[in-house]
Amino acid sequence: MGSANLKEFINNIHHINQDVLDEYINQWVYKKVSKKTLLTSAGQTERFIYFIVKGACKSYYLNNGKEHVMFFGYEPSFCGVIESFLTQTPSKYYLETISDCVFYRLPYSVHEEYLKKHREIERLFRISTEQFLVGIIERHHELMALSAKARFLNFMDRSPHLLRIASQKDIASYLRIDPTNFSKFMNSEQG
């Protein structure tokens, strides 16, 4: 089930020779974890890249004891504290499951080995990194240029399924909207 999803996901990003892809996918380790599992902590170096088969997680930082949600990862997608993983430096953020999760994970050392060994895998992750960067730039633009209501409406168009997975508090934090205003926006959408 899951490895077929990973294979399809990768092929949709960049087609890879199937023998190389099968060998690469066989390196990913299947894991199941429960809701509220801390996968990475601030100060810890991210050792894995994840592919979520089922469930969701959030990346957040703490400021004065308050969580600030940066990203959500959900099926099917790669996930992890990517800057810590890529640079092998301590993370500034936390990665925590917000539902029971099924995923595959790949250690950094194996990831690096395959990047060096197979140009196709290197290209796959260059394309993935480019897509991630474009998403970050779009998110930065939304946070800087759009009103709270416009950010909410964009979210409702793009990711309404997260309302079933993530708490309204987490989504409000992600959108940088006061929870009371988020609740008002939700009520106006449902009314």
C-alpha atoms as a PDB file:
ATOM      1  CA  MET A   1       0.000   0.000   0.000  1.00  0.00           C
ATOM      2  CA  GLY A   2       2.356   2.714   1.222  1.00  0.00           C
ATOM      3  CA  SER A   3       5.416   1.988  -0.873  1.00  0.00           C
ATOM      4  CA  ALA A   4       3.236   2.027  -4.013  1.00  0.00           C
ATOM      5  CA  ASN A   5       2.039   5.496  -2.921  1.00  0.00           C
ATOM      6  CA  LEU A   6       5.654   6.609  -2.456  1.00  0.00           C
ATOM      7  CA  LYS A   7       6.600   5.257  -5.876  1.00  0.00           C
ATOM      8  CA  GLU A   8       3.660   7.028  -7.553  1.00  0.00           C
ATOM      9  CA  PHE A   9       4.389  10.250  -5.664  1.00  0.00           C
ATOM     10  CA  ILE A  10       8.033  10.224  -6.769  1.00  0.00           C
ATOM     11  CA  ASN A  11       7.150   9.404 -10.388  1.00  0.00           C
ATOM     12  CA  ASN A  12       4.748  12.367 -10.430  1.00  0.00           C
ATOM     13  CA  ILE A  13       7.639  14.667  -9.469  1.00  0.00           C
ATOM     14  CA  HIS A  14      10.308  13.158 -11.712  1.00  0.00           C
ATOM     15  CA  HIS A  15      10.337   9.868 -13.593  1.00  0.00           C
ATOM     16  CA  ILE A  16      13.190   7.636 -12.472  1.00  0.00           C
ATOM     17  CA  ASN A  17      14.484   4.380 -13.923  1.00  0.00           C
ATOM     18  CA  GLN A  18      12.291   1.759 -12.219  1.00  0.00           C
ATOM     19  CA  ASP A  19      15.191  -0.431 -11.069  1.00  0.00           C
ATOM     20  CA  VAL A  20      16.843   2.557  -9.385  1.00  0.00           C
ATOM     21  CA  LEU A  21      13.511   3.678  -7.934  1.00  0.00           C
ATOM     22  CA  ASP A  22      12.716   0.228  -6.542  1.00  0.00           C
ATOM     23  CA  GLU A  23      16.159  -0.001  -4.963  1.00  0.00           C
ATOM     24  CA  TYR A  24      15.741   3.482  -3.477  1.00  0.00           C
ATOM     25  CA  ILE A  25      12.232   2.832  -2.140  1.00  0.00           C
ATOM     26  CA  ASN A  26      13.435  -0.361  -0.472  1.00  0.00           C
ATOM     27  CA  GLN A  27      15.668   1.840   1.724  1.00  0.00           C
ATOM     28  CA  TRP A  28      12.665   3.629   3.259  1.00  0.00           C
ATOM     29  CA  VAL A  29      11.501   2.176   6.592  1.00  0.00           C
ATOM     30  CA  TYR A  30       7.806   1.788   7.429  1.00  0.00           C
ATOM     31  CA  LYS A  31       6.657   3.340  10.743  1.00  0.00           C
ATOM     32  CA  LYS A  32       3.371   3.804  12.556  1.00  0.00           C
ATOM     33  CA  VAL A  33       3.085   6.361  15.346  1.00  0.00           C
ATOM     34  CA  SER A  34       0.247   7.717  17.415  1.00  0.00           C
ATOM     35  CA  LYS A  35      -1.139  11.222  17.597  1.00  0.00           C
ATOM     36  CA  LYS A  36       0.995  13.763  19.493  1.00  0.00           C
ATOM     37  CA  THR A  37       4.268  11.921  18.807  1.00  0.00           C
ATOM     38  CA  LEU A  38       7.212  14.314  18.736  1.00  0.00           C
ATOM     39  CA  LEU A  39       9.285  13.307  15.714  1.00  0.00           C
ATOM     40  CA  THR A  40      11.842  16.123  15.985  1.00  0.00           C
ATOM     41  CA  SER A  41      12.539  18.593  18.793  1.00  0.00           C
ATOM     42  CA  ALA A  42      14.113  22.035  18.703  1.00  0.00           C
ATOM     43  CA  GLY A  43      17.850  21.617  19.206  1.00  0.00           C
ATOM     44  CA  GLN A  44      17.828  18.115  17.702  1.00  0.00           C
ATOM     45  CA  THR A  45      19.236  17.523  14.216  1.00  0.00           C
ATOM     46  CA  GLU A  46      16.673  16.100  11.804  1.00  0.00           C
ATOM     47  CA  ARG A  47      17.990  12.664  10.866  1.00  0.00           C
ATOM     48  CA  PHE A  48      15.112  11.585   8.601  1.00  0.00           C
ATOM     49  CA  ILE A  49      13.005  12.666   5.704  1.00  0.00           C
ATOM     50  CA  TYR A  50       9.452  11.323   5.924  1.00  0.00           C
ATOM     51  CA  PHE A  51       6.840  10.343   3.378  1.00  0.00           C
ATOM     52  CA  ILE A  52       3.379  10.463   4.926  1.00  0.00           C
ATOM     53  CA  VAL A  53       1.095   7.652   3.787  1.00  0.00           C
ATOM     54  CA  LYS A  54      -1.694   8.339   6.263  1.00  0.00           C
ATOM     55  CA  GLY A  55      -2.230  11.093   8.806  1.00  0.00           C
ATOM     56  CA  ALA A  56      -0.763  14.540   9.378  1.00  0.00           C
ATOM     57  CA  CYS A  57       1.820  16.445  11.371  1.00  0.00           C
ATOM     58  CA  LYS A  58       2.704  20.035  12.129  1.00  0.00           C
ATOM     59  CA  SER A  59       5.946  21.938  12.346  1.00  0.00           C
ATOM     60  CA  TYR A  60       6.033  24.707  14.928  1.00  0.00           C
ATOM     61  CA  TYR A  61       8.296  26.817  17.074  1.00  0.00           C
ATOM     62  CA  LEU A  62       7.779  28.076  20.592  1.00  0.00           C
ATOM     63  CA  ASN A  63       7.995  31.745  21.541  1.00  0.00           C
ATOM     64  CA  ASN A  64       7.331  32.627  25.178  1.00  0.00           C
ATOM     65  CA  GLY A  65       5.667  29.233  25.612  1.00  0.00           C
ATOM     66  CA  LYS A  66       3.240  29.791  22.717  1.00  0.00           C
ATOM     67  CA  GLU A  67       3.180  27.508  19.663  1.00  0.00           C
ATOM     68  CA  HIS A  68       3.462  29.128  16.246  1.00  0.00           C
ATOM     69  CA  VAL A  69       2.570  26.666  13.481  1.00  0.00           C
ATOM     70  CA  MET A  70       4.718  26.980  10.378  1.00  0.00           C
ATOM     71  CA  PHE A  71       3.653  24.041   8.225  1.00  0.00           C
ATOM     72  CA  PHE A  72       1.368  21.070   8.014  1.00  0.00           C
ATOM     73  CA  GLY A  73       2.439  17.820   6.399  1.00  0.00           C
ATOM     74  CA  TYR A  74      -0.220  15.384   5.277  1.00  0.00           C
ATOM     75  CA  GLU A  75      -0.770  12.469   2.976  1.00  0.00           C
ATOM     76  CA  PRO A  76       0.719  12.053   0.450  1.00  0.00           C
ATOM     77  CA  SER A  77       3.779  14.249   0.891  1.00  0.00           C
ATOM     78  CA  PHE A  78       7.354  14.477   2.042  1.00  0.00           C
ATOM     79  CA  CYS A  79       7.742  15.962   5.488  1.00  0.00           C
ATOM     80  CA  GLY A  80      10.376  16.793   8.071  1.00  0.00           C
ATOM     81  CA  VAL A  81      12.282  19.764   9.406  1.00  0.00           C
ATOM     82  CA  ILE A  82      13.798  20.217   5.988  1.00  0.00           C
ATOM     83  CA  GLU A  83      16.438  22.881   6.702  1.00  0.00           C
ATOM     84  CA  SER A  84      17.816  20.829   9.588  1.00  0.00           C
ATOM     85  CA  PHE A  85      17.760  17.681   7.441  1.00  0.00           C
ATOM     86  CA  LEU A  86      19.499  19.308   4.472  1.00  0.00           C
ATOM     87  CA  THR A  87      22.203  21.075   6.524  1.00  0.00           C
ATOM     88  CA  GLN A  88      22.464  18.500   9.335  1.00  0.00           C
ATOM     89  CA  THR A  89      22.336  21.300  11.903  1.00  0.00           C
ATOM     90  CA  PRO A  90      20.118  21.550  14.998  1.00  0.00           C
ATOM     91  CA  SER A  91      16.479  22.322  14.305  1.00  0.00           C
ATOM     92  CA  LYS A  92      14.850  25.514  15.515  1.00  0.00           C
ATOM     93  CA  TYR A  93      11.460  23.827  15.286  1.00  0.00           C
ATOM     94  CA  TYR A  94       9.406  20.879  16.417  1.00  0.00           C
ATOM     95  CA  LEU A  95       7.734  18.269  14.226  1.00  0.00           C
ATOM     96  CA  GLU A  96       4.776  16.549  15.865  1.00  0.00           C
ATOM     97  CA  THR A  97       2.005  14.285  14.628  1.00  0.00           C
ATOM     98  CA  ILE A  98      -1.515  15.713  14.902  1.00  0.00           C
ATOM     99  CA  SER A  99      -3.164  12.384  14.121  1.00  0.00           C
ATOM    100  CA  ASP A 100      -2.152   8.762  14.121  1.00  0.00           C
ATOM    101  CA  CYS A 101       0.376   8.504  11.288  1.00  0.00           C
ATOM    102  CA  VAL A 102       1.714   5.920   8.924  1.00  0.00           C
ATOM    103  CA  PHE A 103       4.845   6.936   7.068  1.00  0.00           C
ATOM    104  CA  TYR A 104       8.083   5.823   5.557  1.00  0.00           C
ATOM    105  CA  ARG A 105      11.307   7.442   6.638  1.00  0.00           C
ATOM    106  CA  LEU A 106      14.774   7.562   5.163  1.00  0.00           C
ATOM    107  CA  PRO A 107      17.925   8.389   7.147  1.00  0.00           C
ATOM    108  CA  TYR A 108      20.075  11.280   6.007  1.00  0.00           C
ATOM    109  CA  SER A 109      23.109   9.045   5.395  1.00  0.00           C
ATOM    110  CA  VAL A 110      21.162   6.826   2.968  1.00  0.00           C
ATOM    111  CA  HIS A 111      19.607   9.883   1.309  1.00  0.00           C
ATOM    112  CA  GLU A 112      23.071  11.372   0.716  1.00  0.00           C
ATOM    113  CA  GLU A 113      24.427   8.056  -0.577  1.00  0.00           C
ATOM    114  CA  TYR A 114      21.657   7.856  -3.187  1.00  0.00           C
ATOM    115  CA  LEU A 115      22.054  11.498  -4.193  1.00  0.00           C
ATOM    116  CA  LYS A 116      25.730  10.825  -4.931  1.00  0.00           C
ATOM    117  CA  LYS A 117      25.146   7.457  -6.553  1.00  0.00           C
ATOM    118  CA  HIS A 118      22.180   8.326  -8.826  1.00  0.00           C
ATOM    119  CA  ARG A 119      21.832  11.593 -10.690  1.00  0.00           C
ATOM    120  CA  GLU A 120      18.112  10.842 -11.128  1.00  0.00           C
ATOM    121  CA  ILE A 121      17.575  10.863  -7.347  1.00  0.00           C
ATOM    122  CA  GLU A 122      19.557  14.097  -7.064  1.00  0.00           C
ATOM    123  CA  ARG A 123      17.350  15.651  -9.740  1.00  0.00           C
ATOM    124  CA  LEU A 124      14.205  14.410  -7.975  1.00  0.00           C
ATOM    125  CA  PHE A 125      15.205  16.249  -4.809  1.00  0.00           C
ATOM    126  CA  ARG A 126      16.303  19.363  -6.675  1.00  0.00           C
ATOM    127  CA  ILE A 127      12.829  19.533  -8.230  1.00  0.00           C
ATOM    128  CA  SER A 128      11.200  18.808  -4.837  1.00  0.00           C
ATOM    129  CA  THR A 129      13.297  21.543  -3.218  1.00  0.00           C
ATOM    130  CA  GLU A 130      12.318  23.992  -5.967  1.00  0.00           C
ATOM    131  CA  GLN A 131       8.634  23.182  -5.423  1.00  0.00           C
ATOM    132  CA  PHE A 132       9.076  23.627  -1.676  1.00  0.00           C
ATOM    133  CA  LEU A 133      10.815  26.992  -2.214  1.00  0.00           C
ATOM    134  CA  VAL A 134       8.024  28.216  -4.489  1.00  0.00           C
ATOM    135  CA  GLY A 135       5.501  27.228  -1.806  1.00  0.00           C
ATOM    136  CA  ILE A 136       7.490  29.103   0.857  1.00  0.00           C
ATOM    137  CA  ILE A 137       7.619  32.232  -1.314  1.00  0.00           C
ATOM    138  CA  GLU A 138       3.864  32.046  -1.951  1.00  0.00           C
ATOM    139  CA  ARG A 139       3.214  31.604   1.784  1.00  0.00           C
ATOM    140  CA  HIS A 140       5.517  34.525   2.608  1.00  0.00           C
ATOM    141  CA  HIS A 141       3.637  36.686   0.097  1.00  0.00           C
ATOM    142  CA  GLU A 142       0.283  35.723   1.625  1.00  0.00           C
ATOM    143  CA  LEU A 143       1.478  36.531   5.138  1.00  0.00           C
ATOM    144  CA  MET A 144       2.974  39.861   4.079  1.00  0.00           C
ATOM    145  CA  ALA A 145       0.454  41.120   1.524  1.00  0.00           C
ATOM    146  CA  LEU A 146      -2.973  39.661   2.287  1.00  0.00           C
ATOM    147  CA  SER A 147      -5.511  40.508   4.938  1.00  0.00           C
ATOM    148  CA  ALA A 148      -6.499  37.930   7.542  1.00  0.00           C
ATOM    149  CA  LYS A 149      -9.788  37.332   5.714  1.00  0.00           C
ATOM    150  CA  ALA A 150      -7.988  36.824   2.373  1.00  0.00           C
ATOM    151  CA  ARG A 151      -5.543  34.364   4.012  1.00  0.00           C
ATOM    152  CA  PHE A 152      -8.511  32.475   5.464  1.00  0.00           C
ATOM    153  CA  LEU A 153     -10.307  32.350   2.100  1.00  0.00           C
ATOM    154  CA  ASN A 154      -7.158  31.154   0.310  1.00  0.00           C
ATOM    155  CA  PHE A 155      -6.775  28.431   2.921  1.00  0.00           C
ATOM    156  CA  MET A 156     -10.417  27.379   2.457  1.00  0.00           C
ATOM    157  CA  ASP A 157      -9.861  27.095  -1.305  1.00  0.00           C
ATOM    158  CA  ARG A 158      -6.523  25.300  -1.072  1.00  0.00           C
ATOM    159  CA  SER A 159      -6.695  23.083   2.041  1.00  0.00           C
ATOM    160  CA  PRO A 160     -10.216  22.719   3.494  1.00  0.00           C
ATOM    161  CA  HIS A 161      -9.464  19.047   4.297  1.00  0.00           C
ATOM    162  CA  LEU A 162      -7.160  20.257   7.096  1.00  0.00           C
ATOM    163  CA  LEU A 163     -10.244  21.382   9.034  1.00  0.00           C
ATOM    164  CA  ARG A 164     -10.967  17.671   9.627  1.00  0.00           C
ATOM    165  CA  ILE A 165      -7.389  16.957  10.745  1.00  0.00           C
ATOM    166  CA  ALA A 166      -5.946  19.985  12.530  1.00  0.00           C
ATOM    167  CA  SER A 167      -7.389  21.996  15.385  1.00  0.00           C
ATOM    168  CA  GLN A 168      -8.818  25.432  14.623  1.00  0.00           C
ATOM    169  CA  LYS A 169      -6.239  26.836  17.036  1.00  0.00           C
ATOM    170  CA  ASP A 170      -3.394  25.329  14.979  1.00  0.00           C
ATOM    171  CA  ILE A 171      -4.877  26.523  11.688  1.00  0.00           C
ATOM    172  CA  ALA A 172      -5.375  30.027  13.089  1.00  0.00           C
ATOM    173  CA  SER A 173      -1.732  30.019  14.213  1.00  0.00           C
ATOM    174  CA  TYR A 174      -0.595  28.825  10.775  1.00  0.00           C
ATOM    175  CA  LEU A 175      -2.584  31.601   9.087  1.00  0.00           C
ATOM    176  CA  ARG A 176      -1.440  34.195  11.662  1.00  0.00           C
ATOM    177  CA  ILE A 177      -5.052  34.972  12.502  1.00  0.00           C
ATOM    178  CA  ASP A 178      -6.355  35.605  15.995  1.00  0.00           C
ATOM    179  CA  PRO A 179      -8.364  32.487  17.032  1.00  0.00           C
ATOM    180  CA  THR A 180     -11.468  34.619  17.722  1.00  0.00           C
ATOM    181  CA  ASN A 181     -11.359  36.096  14.212  1.00  0.00           C
ATOM    182  CA  PHE A 182     -10.732  32.639  12.747  1.00  0.00           C
ATOM    183  CA  SER A 183     -13.861  31.400  14.525  1.00  0.00           C
ATOM    184  CA  LYS A 184     -15.865  34.356  13.126  1.00  0.00           C
ATOM    185  CA  PHE A 185     -14.580  33.598   9.605  1.00  0.00           C
ATOM    186  CA  MET A 186     -15.567  29.940  10.039  1.00  0.00           C
ATOM    187  CA  ASN A 187     -19.045  30.888  11.232  1.00  0.00           C
ATOM    188  CA  SER A 188     -19.549  33.232   8.270  1.00  0.00           C
ATOM    189  CA  GLU A 189     -18.497  30.425   5.864  1.00  0.00           C
ATOM    190  CA  GLN A 190     -20.914  27.954   7.430  1.00  0.00           C
ATOM    191  CA  GLY A 191     -23.795  30.389   7.744  1.00  0.00           C
END
